[in-house]
Amino acid sequence: MDAVRTQRFLVLTHDAYRPGLAARAAALASGELPPLPDYETRD
C-alpha cells in the first residue's frame, strides 16, 4: 500500500532484485540487449 500512496511505479518484492534490474535498465538505456535473467532453480 505504501507504493500506491507514494505513487511509485515499480514495487520490488525483494532487495536482491535491485542489481539485476539496474543492469537491465543500463543496457536498455545504452541501446544494448539486456542480459537474460538467471532462471536456475535454487534449493
N, C-alpha and C. Protein backbone atom coordinates (compact mmCIF):
# COMPACT_ATOMS: atom_id res chain seq x y z
N MET A 1 0.81 -1.20 0.00
CA MET A 1 0.00 0.00 0.00
C MET A 1 0.86 1.26 0.00
N ASP A 2 2.03 1.17 0.62
CA ASP A 2 2.90 2.34 0.66
C ASP A 2 3.26 2.81 -0.74
N ALA A 3 3.51 1.86 -1.66
CA ALA A 3 3.86 2.22 -3.03
C ALA A 3 2.72 2.96 -3.72
N VAL A 4 1.51 2.54 -3.48
CA VAL A 4 0.35 3.21 -4.06
C VAL A 4 0.23 4.62 -3.49
N ARG A 5 0.39 4.73 -2.20
CA ARG A 5 0.26 6.05 -1.55
C ARG A 5 1.34 7.03 -2.01
N THR A 6 2.55 6.51 -2.25
CA THR A 6 3.66 7.38 -2.67
C THR A 6 3.83 7.42 -4.18
N GLN A 7 2.91 6.78 -4.92
CA GLN A 7 2.87 6.79 -6.37
C GLN A 7 4.17 6.26 -7.00
N ARG A 8 4.69 5.19 -6.41
CA ARG A 8 5.86 4.54 -7.02
C ARG A 8 5.41 3.63 -8.13
N PHE A 9 6.12 3.65 -9.25
CA PHE A 9 5.78 2.85 -10.41
C PHE A 9 6.17 1.39 -10.23
N LEU A 10 7.35 1.15 -9.72
CA LEU A 10 7.88 -0.20 -9.61
C LEU A 10 8.00 -0.59 -8.15
N VAL A 11 7.43 -1.73 -7.82
CA VAL A 11 7.47 -2.22 -6.44
C VAL A 11 8.29 -3.51 -6.44
N LEU A 12 9.47 -3.46 -5.85
CA LEU A 12 10.31 -4.65 -5.76
C LEU A 12 9.95 -5.42 -4.51
N THR A 13 9.72 -6.70 -4.67
CA THR A 13 9.31 -7.51 -3.53
C THR A 13 10.49 -8.06 -2.76
N HIS A 14 11.70 -7.89 -3.29
CA HIS A 14 12.89 -8.37 -2.60
C HIS A 14 14.07 -7.51 -3.02
N ASP A 15 14.89 -7.09 -2.08
CA ASP A 15 16.04 -6.23 -2.39
C ASP A 15 17.03 -6.86 -3.35
N ALA A 16 17.08 -8.20 -3.43
CA ALA A 16 18.02 -8.87 -4.32
C ALA A 16 17.70 -8.61 -5.80
N TYR A 17 16.50 -8.14 -6.11
CA TYR A 17 16.13 -7.86 -7.50
C TYR A 17 16.76 -6.56 -8.00
N ARG A 18 17.14 -5.69 -7.11
CA ARG A 18 17.60 -4.35 -7.48
C ARG A 18 18.82 -4.34 -8.42
N PRO A 19 19.90 -5.09 -8.14
CA PRO A 19 21.06 -5.06 -9.05
C PRO A 19 20.75 -5.55 -10.47
N GLY A 20 19.98 -6.61 -10.58
CA GLY A 20 19.63 -7.12 -11.90
C GLY A 20 18.78 -6.14 -12.69
N LEU A 21 17.87 -5.50 -12.00
CA LEU A 21 17.02 -4.51 -12.64
C LEU A 21 17.85 -3.32 -13.12
N ALA A 22 18.79 -2.89 -12.29
CA ALA A 22 19.66 -1.77 -12.67
C ALA A 22 20.51 -2.13 -13.89
N ALA A 23 21.02 -3.37 -13.94
CA ALA A 23 21.83 -3.79 -15.09
C ALA A 23 20.99 -3.84 -16.36
N ARG A 24 19.77 -4.31 -16.26
CA ARG A 24 18.88 -4.37 -17.43
C ARG A 24 18.55 -2.96 -17.91
N ALA A 25 18.27 -2.06 -17.00
CA ALA A 25 17.94 -0.68 -17.38
C ALA A 25 19.13 0.01 -18.03
N ALA A 26 20.33 -0.22 -17.50
CA ALA A 26 21.53 0.40 -18.07
C ALA A 26 21.77 -0.12 -19.49
N ALA A 27 21.59 -1.41 -19.70
CA ALA A 27 21.78 -1.98 -21.03
C ALA A 27 20.76 -1.39 -22.01
N LEU A 28 19.51 -1.32 -21.61
CA LEU A 28 18.49 -0.75 -22.48
C LEU A 28 18.77 0.72 -22.78
N ALA A 29 19.20 1.48 -21.78
CA ALA A 29 19.48 2.91 -21.97
C ALA A 29 20.64 3.14 -22.93
N SER A 30 21.58 2.18 -22.99
CA SER A 30 22.72 2.33 -23.88
C SER A 30 22.47 1.69 -25.26
N GLY A 31 21.26 1.20 -25.48
CA GLY A 31 20.90 0.63 -26.77
C GLY A 31 21.31 -0.82 -26.95
N GLU A 32 21.67 -1.49 -25.87
CA GLU A 32 22.07 -2.88 -25.94
C GLU A 32 20.92 -3.79 -25.51
N LEU A 33 21.04 -5.07 -25.84
CA LEU A 33 20.08 -6.04 -25.33
C LEU A 33 20.43 -6.31 -23.88
N PRO A 34 19.46 -6.34 -23.01
CA PRO A 34 19.75 -6.63 -21.60
C PRO A 34 20.12 -8.10 -21.42
N PRO A 35 20.89 -8.39 -20.38
CA PRO A 35 21.22 -9.79 -20.11
C PRO A 35 19.96 -10.57 -19.71
N LEU A 36 19.94 -11.83 -20.07
CA LEU A 36 18.81 -12.67 -19.69
C LEU A 36 18.88 -12.96 -18.19
N PRO A 37 17.74 -13.02 -17.54
CA PRO A 37 17.74 -13.36 -16.12
C PRO A 37 18.21 -14.79 -15.90
N ASP A 38 18.76 -15.04 -14.75
CA ASP A 38 19.21 -16.37 -14.38
C ASP A 38 18.01 -17.14 -13.82
N TYR A 39 17.51 -18.08 -14.61
CA TYR A 39 16.34 -18.84 -14.17
C TYR A 39 16.72 -20.15 -13.49
N GLU A 40 17.98 -20.28 -13.15
CA GLU A 40 18.41 -21.51 -12.48
C GLU A 40 17.64 -21.68 -11.17
N THR A 41 17.15 -22.86 -10.95
CA THR A 41 16.41 -23.10 -9.71
C THR A 41 17.39 -23.30 -8.57
N ARG A 42 17.02 -22.84 -7.42
CA ARG A 42 17.86 -22.96 -6.24
C ARG A 42 17.10 -23.76 -5.19
N ASP A 43 17.81 -24.62 -4.50
CA ASP A 43 17.18 -25.44 -3.46
C ASP A 43 17.30 -24.80 -2.11
